[in-house]
Amino acid sequence: MIDLVKPVLGFNELFSIGFNYVKEKYKFYERGHLEHSISMGPQTVETPFISLIEKRKLEASMILCIETPCYISGFGGFNIKDMILVTEDGCEVLTPLTPHYK
């Protein structure tokens, strides 16, 4: 999913890529958004959220948290997160110690 991040890719397109990948592996997966922008204020996240209803496009200089949270009722859950900077021709991973799952 990270490999596909680049300017002009729609937030909704990125959501579909990530959501469909997880849904293929775990058929009960449901999620309204997968990623979010990073806040400069007291809150930890801000819009735009990468979701099916978000029509905006990625732009160079945006910083995003790419995550695919998974919560299993009665069991627990986990989040795998990577911070990325959208560049002119792709993206740069800002969390190099996080393992990357493709």
Protein backbone atom coordinates (compact mmCIF):
# COMPACT_ATOMS: atom_id res chain seq x y z
CA MET A 1 0.00 0.00 0.00
CA ILE A 2 2.80 2.42 0.90
CA ASP A 3 4.52 1.68 -2.41
CA LEU A 4 1.46 3.07 -4.22
CA VAL A 5 1.35 6.45 -2.43
CA LYS A 6 1.98 9.37 -4.80
CA PRO A 7 0.47 12.76 -5.60
CA VAL A 8 -2.83 12.69 -7.51
CA LEU A 9 -3.86 9.33 -6.03
CA GLY A 10 -7.28 9.84 -4.47
CA PHE A 11 -7.69 9.36 -0.73
CA ASN A 12 -10.65 7.11 -1.58
CA GLU A 13 -8.48 5.09 -4.00
CA LEU A 14 -5.85 4.53 -1.30
CA PHE A 15 -8.59 3.47 1.13
CA SER A 16 -9.92 0.91 -1.37
CA ILE A 17 -6.46 -0.57 -1.95
CA GLY A 18 -5.78 -1.07 1.77
CA PHE A 19 -9.29 -2.11 2.74
CA ASN A 20 -9.61 -4.67 -0.05
CA TYR A 21 -6.22 -6.19 0.79
CA VAL A 22 -7.16 -6.73 4.45
CA LYS A 23 -10.72 -7.85 3.57
CA GLU A 24 -9.23 -10.52 1.28
CA LYS A 25 -7.34 -11.98 4.27
CA TYR A 26 -10.01 -11.41 6.94
CA LYS A 27 -13.53 -11.53 5.51
CA PHE A 28 -15.17 -9.95 8.56
CA TYR A 29 -13.01 -6.80 8.37
CA GLU A 30 -14.94 -3.52 8.52
CA ARG A 31 -13.46 -0.07 8.83
CA GLY A 32 -14.61 3.44 7.92
CA HIS A 33 -11.11 4.83 7.38
CA LEU A 34 -7.58 3.45 7.35
CA GLU A 35 -5.29 6.43 7.56
CA HIS A 36 -5.31 10.01 8.66
CA SER A 37 -3.44 13.29 8.54
CA ILE A 38 -1.21 14.37 11.41
CA SER A 39 -2.29 17.29 13.59
CA MET A 40 -0.21 20.32 14.48
CA GLY A 41 -2.57 21.04 17.39
CA PRO A 42 -3.48 19.29 20.65
CA GLN A 43 -5.45 16.55 18.90
CA THR A 44 -3.52 13.59 17.49
CA VAL A 45 -5.28 13.36 14.13
CA GLU A 46 -7.00 15.74 11.76
CA THR A 47 -8.81 15.63 8.46
CA PRO A 48 -8.62 14.57 5.79
CA PHE A 49 -9.15 10.95 6.72
CA ILE A 50 -8.38 8.44 4.02
CA SER A 51 -11.80 6.93 3.51
CA LEU A 52 -14.15 5.88 0.76
CA ILE A 53 -16.05 9.18 0.92
CA GLU A 54 -12.98 11.48 0.78
CA LYS A 55 -12.66 12.82 -2.77
CA ARG A 56 -9.47 14.86 -2.33
CA LYS A 57 -6.17 13.80 -3.89
CA LEU A 58 -2.83 13.28 -2.18
CA GLU A 59 -0.45 16.21 -2.59
CA ALA A 60 3.31 16.55 -2.18
CA SER A 61 4.28 17.70 1.36
CA MET A 62 1.33 15.95 3.06
CA ILE A 63 2.28 13.85 6.08
CA LEU A 64 0.04 10.87 6.73
CA CYS A 65 -0.22 8.00 9.15
CA ILE A 66 -0.82 4.81 7.18
CA GLU A 67 -2.51 2.20 9.36
CA THR A 68 -4.74 -0.81 8.98
CA PRO A 69 -6.32 -1.30 12.41
CA CYS A 70 -7.77 -4.71 13.08
CA TYR A 71 -10.18 -5.34 15.95
CA ILE A 72 -11.60 -8.81 16.54
CA SER A 73 -14.69 -8.91 18.75
CA GLY A 74 -14.09 -10.92 21.91
CA PHE A 75 -10.36 -11.22 21.19
CA GLY A 76 -8.58 -7.87 20.88
CA GLY A 77 -6.88 -5.90 18.19
CA PHE A 78 -3.76 -4.25 16.85
CA ASN A 79 -2.58 -1.35 14.69
CA ILE A 80 0.39 -1.31 12.35
CA LYS A 81 1.30 2.32 11.65
CA ASP A 82 3.77 4.08 9.39
CA MET A 83 4.28 7.82 9.07
CA ILE A 84 4.89 8.91 5.49
CA LEU A 85 5.70 12.12 3.66
CA VAL A 86 4.12 12.40 0.22
CA THR A 87 6.84 13.55 -2.21
CA GLU A 88 6.69 14.82 -5.80
CA ASP A 89 7.11 11.30 -7.21
CA GLY A 90 6.01 8.96 -4.43
CA CYS A 91 6.59 8.98 -0.70
CA GLU A 92 9.23 8.76 2.00
CA VAL A 93 8.68 6.54 5.04
CA LEU A 94 9.41 8.57 8.18
CA THR A 95 9.28 5.57 10.54
CA PRO A 96 12.15 3.43 9.22
CA LEU A 97 12.21 1.12 12.24
CA THR A 98 8.67 -0.11 11.62
CA PRO A 99 8.59 -3.32 9.57
CA HIS A 100 6.84 -2.80 6.25
CA TYR A 101 4.14 -5.21 5.24
CA LYS A 102 3.22 -5.37 1.56
